[in-house]
Amino acid sequence: MNYLCYTEANGLGGVLPVELKELKDLRVFSLEDGLIGGTIPPDLGELSLLEVIDLNFNRFVGPIPEAIYSLPSLRQLDLNDNRLTGTINTRIGQMTTLQFLSVDNNRMTGTIPRQIANLSRLGKFTA
C-alpha cells in the first residue's frame, strides 16, 4: 500500500512526534504552510520508502538531519521558508533519485557543496 500524509495551510502547529518512524510505508510526507516548529526528526531517515518530504513554510529550526541524506527513494526535498540552520551536507551527492531540492529562505550558512553536481535528475534547486 502507498501511504500519504498531506495537509496545507490549515494552521497545524506543534512539533513532529518521534512516532513518525512507525509509518514504515509512508511515501509522501507533506505538511506545508503551517505553524509546525522544533527540529525535523532524524527518524524520518528510517522511512526508506519516502519519495517526498515537503515541509516548506513552517517554523522548523536546526540543521537538516543527517539521516535524510540516506533516503534511497527521495525525489523531492522541499524545506524552504523555515528557520533551518547549518549547511547542506556533502552527502547530498549520494541522493541520486532527487529531482527537486528547495532550501531557500532559511538561516543556513556555508557554500553549496560541489557534490550537488552528481544529481543528474535534479530539475529544480533553490537555495
N, C-alpha and C. Protein backbone atom coordinates (compact mmCIF):
# COMPACT_ATOMS: atom_id res chain seq x y z
N MET A 1 0.83 -1.18 0.00
CA MET A 1 0.00 0.00 0.00
C MET A 1 0.87 1.24 0.00
N ASN A 2 0.41 2.27 -0.67
CA ASN A 2 1.08 3.56 -0.65
C ASN A 2 0.35 4.47 0.32
N TYR A 3 1.09 5.10 1.19
CA TYR A 3 0.50 5.99 2.17
C TYR A 3 0.96 7.40 1.95
N LEU A 4 0.06 8.32 2.26
CA LEU A 4 0.29 9.72 2.03
C LEU A 4 -0.15 10.50 3.26
N CYS A 5 0.65 11.46 3.69
CA CYS A 5 0.27 12.39 4.74
C CYS A 5 0.40 13.77 4.13
N TYR A 6 -0.72 14.46 3.92
CA TYR A 6 -0.68 15.75 3.25
C TYR A 6 -1.65 16.72 3.92
N THR A 7 -1.17 17.88 4.23
CA THR A 7 -2.01 18.97 4.73
C THR A 7 -1.34 20.28 4.35
N GLU A 8 -2.14 21.29 4.07
CA GLU A 8 -1.59 22.58 3.68
C GLU A 8 -2.44 23.71 4.24
N ALA A 9 -1.78 24.68 4.84
CA ALA A 9 -2.40 25.93 5.29
C ALA A 9 -3.64 25.72 6.14
N ASN A 10 -3.55 24.80 7.09
CA ASN A 10 -4.71 24.58 7.95
C ASN A 10 -4.45 24.99 9.40
N GLY A 11 -3.32 25.68 9.65
CA GLY A 11 -3.00 26.14 10.98
C GLY A 11 -2.43 25.07 11.89
N LEU A 12 -2.08 23.92 11.33
CA LEU A 12 -1.50 22.84 12.13
C LEU A 12 -0.19 23.32 12.76
N GLY A 13 -0.05 23.12 14.08
CA GLY A 13 1.12 23.59 14.79
C GLY A 13 1.70 22.50 15.66
N GLY A 14 2.63 22.90 16.51
CA GLY A 14 3.28 21.95 17.41
C GLY A 14 4.61 21.47 16.86
N VAL A 15 5.00 20.28 17.27
CA VAL A 15 6.24 19.67 16.79
C VAL A 15 5.92 18.29 16.23
N LEU A 16 6.80 17.77 15.41
CA LEU A 16 6.60 16.44 14.84
C LEU A 16 6.98 15.37 15.87
N PRO A 17 6.13 14.39 16.08
CA PRO A 17 6.44 13.35 17.06
C PRO A 17 7.45 12.34 16.53
N VAL A 18 8.23 11.77 17.43
CA VAL A 18 9.20 10.76 17.04
C VAL A 18 8.49 9.49 16.55
N GLU A 19 7.24 9.33 16.89
CA GLU A 19 6.48 8.14 16.46
C GLU A 19 6.27 8.08 14.95
N LEU A 20 6.60 9.14 14.23
CA LEU A 20 6.50 9.11 12.77
C LEU A 20 7.28 7.95 12.17
N LYS A 21 8.34 7.54 12.85
CA LYS A 21 9.18 6.45 12.33
C LYS A 21 8.42 5.14 12.22
N GLU A 22 7.25 5.04 12.85
CA GLU A 22 6.43 3.83 12.78
C GLU A 22 5.66 3.74 11.47
N LEU A 23 5.61 4.79 10.70
CA LEU A 23 4.87 4.81 9.43
C LEU A 23 5.76 4.27 8.31
N LYS A 24 6.13 3.04 8.40
CA LYS A 24 7.13 2.41 7.53
C LYS A 24 6.77 2.45 6.04
N ASP A 25 5.48 2.51 5.71
CA ASP A 25 5.05 2.50 4.30
C ASP A 25 4.78 3.90 3.76
N LEU A 26 5.10 4.94 4.53
CA LEU A 26 4.83 6.31 4.11
C LEU A 26 5.67 6.67 2.89
N ARG A 27 5.02 7.20 1.87
CA ARG A 27 5.70 7.60 0.63
C ARG A 27 5.80 9.11 0.47
N VAL A 28 4.72 9.82 0.87
CA VAL A 28 4.67 11.27 0.73
C VAL A 28 4.36 11.88 2.09
N PHE A 29 5.23 12.78 2.56
CA PHE A 29 5.04 13.45 3.83
C PHE A 29 5.05 14.94 3.56
N SER A 30 3.87 15.54 3.55
CA SER A 30 3.73 16.94 3.19
C SER A 30 2.88 17.67 4.23
N LEU A 31 3.50 18.59 4.92
CA LEU A 31 2.82 19.43 5.91
C LEU A 31 3.22 20.88 5.61
N GLU A 32 2.68 21.41 4.54
CA GLU A 32 3.07 22.73 4.06
C GLU A 32 2.31 23.85 4.77
N ASP A 33 2.96 25.00 4.84
CA ASP A 33 2.31 26.25 5.20
C ASP A 33 1.54 26.15 6.51
N GLY A 34 2.27 25.78 7.56
CA GLY A 34 1.65 25.64 8.87
C GLY A 34 2.42 26.38 9.94
N LEU A 35 2.23 25.95 11.15
CA LEU A 35 2.89 26.55 12.31
C LEU A 35 3.72 25.51 13.05
N ILE A 36 4.22 24.53 12.33
CA ILE A 36 4.98 23.44 12.94
C ILE A 36 6.41 23.91 13.19
N GLY A 37 6.92 23.64 14.38
CA GLY A 37 8.25 24.08 14.75
C GLY A 37 9.08 22.94 15.30
N GLY A 38 10.14 23.32 15.99
CA GLY A 38 11.07 22.33 16.50
C GLY A 38 11.98 21.84 15.40
N THR A 39 12.67 20.77 15.67
CA THR A 39 13.59 20.22 14.67
C THR A 39 12.88 19.16 13.83
N ILE A 40 13.43 18.92 12.66
CA ILE A 40 12.94 17.83 11.82
C ILE A 40 13.46 16.54 12.44
N PRO A 41 12.58 15.60 12.79
CA PRO A 41 13.05 14.39 13.47
C PRO A 41 14.00 13.58 12.59
N PRO A 42 15.17 13.22 13.12
CA PRO A 42 16.10 12.40 12.35
C PRO A 42 15.50 11.05 12.00
N ASP A 43 14.50 10.61 12.76
CA ASP A 43 13.85 9.32 12.50
C ASP A 43 13.16 9.26 11.14
N LEU A 44 12.93 10.40 10.50
CA LEU A 44 12.37 10.37 9.14
C LEU A 44 13.30 9.58 8.21
N GLY A 45 14.57 9.58 8.54
CA GLY A 45 15.55 8.84 7.75
C GLY A 45 15.36 7.33 7.79
N GLU A 46 14.54 6.84 8.71
CA GLU A 46 14.24 5.41 8.80
C GLU A 46 13.10 5.00 7.87
N LEU A 47 12.44 5.98 7.27
CA LEU A 47 11.32 5.69 6.37
C LEU A 47 11.84 5.54 4.95
N SER A 48 12.38 4.39 4.67
CA SER A 48 13.13 4.16 3.43
C SER A 48 12.28 4.25 2.16
N LEU A 49 10.97 4.25 2.26
CA LEU A 49 10.10 4.35 1.08
C LEU A 49 9.71 5.79 0.76
N LEU A 50 10.11 6.73 1.61
CA LEU A 50 9.74 8.13 1.38
C LEU A 50 10.23 8.61 0.02
N GLU A 51 9.33 9.22 -0.71
CA GLU A 51 9.66 9.82 -2.01
C GLU A 51 9.59 11.34 -1.96
N VAL A 52 8.76 11.86 -1.04
CA VAL A 52 8.57 13.30 -0.94
C VAL A 52 8.57 13.72 0.54
N ILE A 53 9.38 14.73 0.84
CA ILE A 53 9.31 15.43 2.13
C ILE A 53 9.07 16.89 1.77
N ASP A 54 7.91 17.39 2.14
CA ASP A 54 7.53 18.77 1.82
C ASP A 54 7.07 19.46 3.10
N LEU A 55 7.98 20.20 3.70
CA LEU A 55 7.72 20.86 4.98
C LEU A 55 7.93 22.36 4.87
N ASN A 56 7.73 22.91 3.69
CA ASN A 56 8.01 24.33 3.49
C ASN A 56 6.99 25.22 4.20
N PHE A 57 7.39 26.45 4.42
CA PHE A 57 6.56 27.48 5.06
C PHE A 57 6.07 27.04 6.44
N ASN A 58 6.99 26.64 7.30
CA ASN A 58 6.71 26.31 8.68
C ASN A 58 7.70 27.05 9.56
N ARG A 59 8.00 26.48 10.72
CA ARG A 59 8.92 27.13 11.66
C ARG A 59 10.00 26.17 12.15
N PHE A 60 10.42 25.27 11.29
CA PHE A 60 11.44 24.30 11.68
C PHE A 60 12.78 24.99 11.93
N VAL A 61 13.51 24.50 12.93
CA VAL A 61 14.81 25.05 13.29
C VAL A 61 15.85 23.93 13.26
N GLY A 62 17.11 24.32 13.35
CA GLY A 62 18.19 23.35 13.39
C GLY A 62 18.60 22.91 12.00
N PRO A 63 19.52 21.97 11.93
CA PRO A 63 20.04 21.51 10.63
C PRO A 63 19.12 20.46 9.99
N ILE A 64 19.37 20.21 8.72
CA ILE A 64 18.74 19.08 8.05
C ILE A 64 19.35 17.82 8.66
N PRO A 65 18.53 16.92 9.18
CA PRO A 65 19.09 15.73 9.83
C PRO A 65 19.94 14.88 8.87
N GLU A 66 21.06 14.40 9.36
CA GLU A 66 21.97 13.55 8.58
C GLU A 66 21.24 12.39 7.92
N ALA A 67 20.30 11.79 8.63
CA ALA A 67 19.62 10.60 8.13
C ALA A 67 18.82 10.86 6.86
N ILE A 68 18.40 12.10 6.64
CA ILE A 68 17.64 12.44 5.43
C ILE A 68 18.47 12.14 4.18
N TYR A 69 19.78 12.35 4.27
CA TYR A 69 20.67 12.15 3.13
C TYR A 69 20.82 10.68 2.74
N SER A 70 20.28 9.79 3.55
CA SER A 70 20.38 8.35 3.27
C SER A 70 19.11 7.76 2.67
N LEU A 71 18.08 8.58 2.48
CA LEU A 71 16.83 8.04 1.95
C LEU A 71 16.99 7.63 0.49
N PRO A 72 16.82 6.35 0.18
CA PRO A 72 17.16 5.84 -1.15
C PRO A 72 16.19 6.21 -2.26
N SER A 73 14.95 6.59 -1.92
CA SER A 73 13.94 6.85 -2.95
C SER A 73 13.47 8.29 -3.00
N LEU A 74 14.10 9.17 -2.23
CA LEU A 74 13.62 10.54 -2.13
C LEU A 74 13.78 11.28 -3.45
N ARG A 75 12.67 11.80 -3.96
CA ARG A 75 12.66 12.56 -5.20
C ARG A 75 12.53 14.06 -4.94
N GLN A 76 11.85 14.41 -3.83
CA GLN A 76 11.61 15.82 -3.53
C GLN A 76 11.92 16.11 -2.07
N LEU A 77 12.74 17.13 -1.85
CA LEU A 77 13.04 17.61 -0.51
C LEU A 77 12.77 19.11 -0.52
N ASP A 78 11.64 19.50 0.03
CA ASP A 78 11.16 20.88 -0.02
C ASP A 78 11.11 21.44 1.39
N LEU A 79 12.12 22.23 1.74
CA LEU A 79 12.26 22.75 3.10
C LEU A 79 12.37 24.27 3.14
N ASN A 80 12.00 24.93 2.05
CA ASN A 80 12.15 26.38 2.01
C ASN A 80 11.24 27.08 3.02
N ASP A 81 11.61 28.30 3.34
CA ASP A 81 10.84 29.18 4.21
C ASP A 81 10.57 28.59 5.59
N ASN A 82 11.65 28.21 6.24
CA ASN A 82 11.63 27.77 7.63
C ASN A 82 12.68 28.59 8.37
N ARG A 83 13.24 28.03 9.42
CA ARG A 83 14.30 28.69 10.19
C ARG A 83 15.48 27.74 10.35
N LEU A 84 15.71 26.94 9.32
CA LEU A 84 16.77 25.94 9.38
C LEU A 84 18.15 26.60 9.40
N THR A 85 19.08 25.96 10.08
CA THR A 85 20.45 26.45 10.18
C THR A 85 21.40 25.36 9.69
N GLY A 86 22.68 25.65 9.72
CA GLY A 86 23.67 24.67 9.28
C GLY A 86 23.92 24.78 7.80
N THR A 87 24.39 23.69 7.22
CA THR A 87 24.76 23.67 5.81
C THR A 87 24.10 22.49 5.11
N ILE A 88 24.19 22.47 3.79
CA ILE A 88 23.81 21.29 3.03
C ILE A 88 25.00 20.34 3.10
N ASN A 89 24.77 19.15 3.57
CA ASN A 89 25.84 18.17 3.75
C ASN A 89 26.37 17.70 2.40
N THR A 90 27.64 17.37 2.33
CA THR A 90 28.23 16.86 1.09
C THR A 90 27.60 15.53 0.67
N ARG A 91 26.94 14.85 1.61
CA ARG A 91 26.26 13.59 1.29
C ARG A 91 25.09 13.80 0.34
N ILE A 92 24.73 15.05 0.06
CA ILE A 92 23.66 15.35 -0.89
C ILE A 92 23.97 14.68 -2.23
N GLY A 93 25.21 14.54 -2.57
CA GLY A 93 25.62 13.94 -3.83
C GLY A 93 25.26 12.47 -3.96
N GLN A 94 24.92 11.82 -2.85
CA GLN A 94 24.52 10.41 -2.87
C GLN A 94 23.02 10.23 -3.13
N MET A 95 22.28 11.32 -3.14
CA MET A 95 20.83 11.25 -3.29
C MET A 95 20.46 11.26 -4.78
N THR A 96 20.83 10.22 -5.47
CA THR A 96 20.75 10.18 -6.93
C THR A 96 19.32 10.17 -7.48
N THR A 97 18.32 9.93 -6.66
CA THR A 97 16.93 9.97 -7.13
C THR A 97 16.32 11.36 -7.00
N LEU A 98 17.03 12.30 -6.36
CA LEU A 98 16.50 13.62 -6.08
C LEU A 98 16.27 14.41 -7.36
N GLN A 99 15.04 14.93 -7.50
CA GLN A 99 14.66 15.72 -8.67
C GLN A 99 14.36 17.18 -8.31
N PHE A 100 14.04 17.42 -7.04
CA PHE A 100 13.62 18.74 -6.58
C PHE A 100 14.24 18.99 -5.21
N LEU A 101 14.95 20.10 -5.06
CA LEU A 101 15.56 20.46 -3.78
C LEU A 101 15.37 21.95 -3.56
N SER A 102 14.70 22.30 -2.47
CA SER A 102 14.47 23.70 -2.16
C SER A 102 14.76 23.95 -0.68
N VAL A 103 15.75 24.80 -0.41
CA VAL A 103 16.12 25.15 0.96
C VAL A 103 16.25 26.67 1.12
N ASP A 104 15.71 27.45 0.19
CA ASP A 104 15.85 28.90 0.26
C ASP A 104 15.00 29.48 1.39
N ASN A 105 15.34 30.70 1.76
CA ASN A 105 14.65 31.44 2.82
C ASN A 105 14.70 30.72 4.16
N ASN A 106 15.88 30.29 4.52
CA ASN A 106 16.19 29.72 5.82
C ASN A 106 17.34 30.52 6.41
N ARG A 107 17.95 30.00 7.44
CA ARG A 107 19.09 30.66 8.08
C ARG A 107 20.36 29.83 7.90
N MET A 108 20.43 29.13 6.79
CA MET A 108 21.56 28.25 6.53
C MET A 108 22.78 29.08 6.10
N THR A 109 23.96 28.51 6.34
CA THR A 109 25.21 29.20 6.01
C THR A 109 26.09 28.27 5.18
N GLY A 110 27.22 28.79 4.78
CA GLY A 110 28.18 27.97 4.05
C GLY A 110 27.94 28.03 2.55
N THR A 111 28.66 27.16 1.86
CA THR A 111 28.57 27.12 0.41
C THR A 111 27.79 25.89 -0.04
N ILE A 112 27.36 25.94 -1.27
CA ILE A 112 26.68 24.79 -1.87
C ILE A 112 27.75 23.75 -2.19
N PRO A 113 27.59 22.54 -1.67
CA PRO A 113 28.64 21.53 -1.91
C PRO A 113 28.72 21.15 -3.39
N ARG A 114 29.94 20.94 -3.85
CA ARG A 114 30.15 20.59 -5.26
C ARG A 114 29.53 19.25 -5.61
N GLN A 115 29.28 18.39 -4.62
CA GLN A 115 28.69 17.07 -4.84
C GLN A 115 27.27 17.16 -5.41
N ILE A 116 26.68 18.34 -5.35
CA ILE A 116 25.34 18.50 -5.90
C ILE A 116 25.36 18.26 -7.42
N ALA A 117 26.54 18.39 -8.02
CA ALA A 117 26.68 18.13 -9.46
C ALA A 117 26.46 16.66 -9.80
N ASN A 118 26.49 15.78 -8.80
CA ASN A 118 26.24 14.35 -9.03
C ASN A 118 24.76 14.04 -9.24
N LEU A 119 23.90 15.00 -8.99
CA LEU A 119 22.46 14.76 -9.05
C LEU A 119 21.94 14.99 -10.46
N SER A 120 22.12 14.01 -11.31
CA SER A 120 21.78 14.14 -12.72
C SER A 120 20.28 14.29 -12.97
N ARG A 121 19.45 13.89 -12.02
CA ARG A 121 17.99 14.01 -12.20
C ARG A 121 17.43 15.31 -11.63
N LEU A 122 18.26 16.09 -10.97
CA LEU A 122 17.80 17.32 -10.32
C LEU A 122 17.31 18.31 -11.36
N GLY A 123 16.01 18.63 -11.31
CA GLY A 123 15.42 19.56 -12.26
C GLY A 123 15.20 20.94 -11.67
N LYS A 124 15.06 21.02 -10.33
CA LYS A 124 14.86 22.31 -9.68
C LYS A 124 15.67 22.33 -8.38
N PHE A 125 16.42 23.40 -8.19
CA PHE A 125 17.22 23.60 -6.99
C PHE A 125 17.17 25.07 -6.62
N THR A 126 16.70 25.37 -5.41
CA THR A 126 16.71 26.74 -4.92
C THR A 126 17.36 26.74 -3.53
N ALA A 127 18.28 27.68 -3.34
CA ALA A 127 18.98 27.79 -2.06
C ALA A 127 19.16 29.26 -1.71
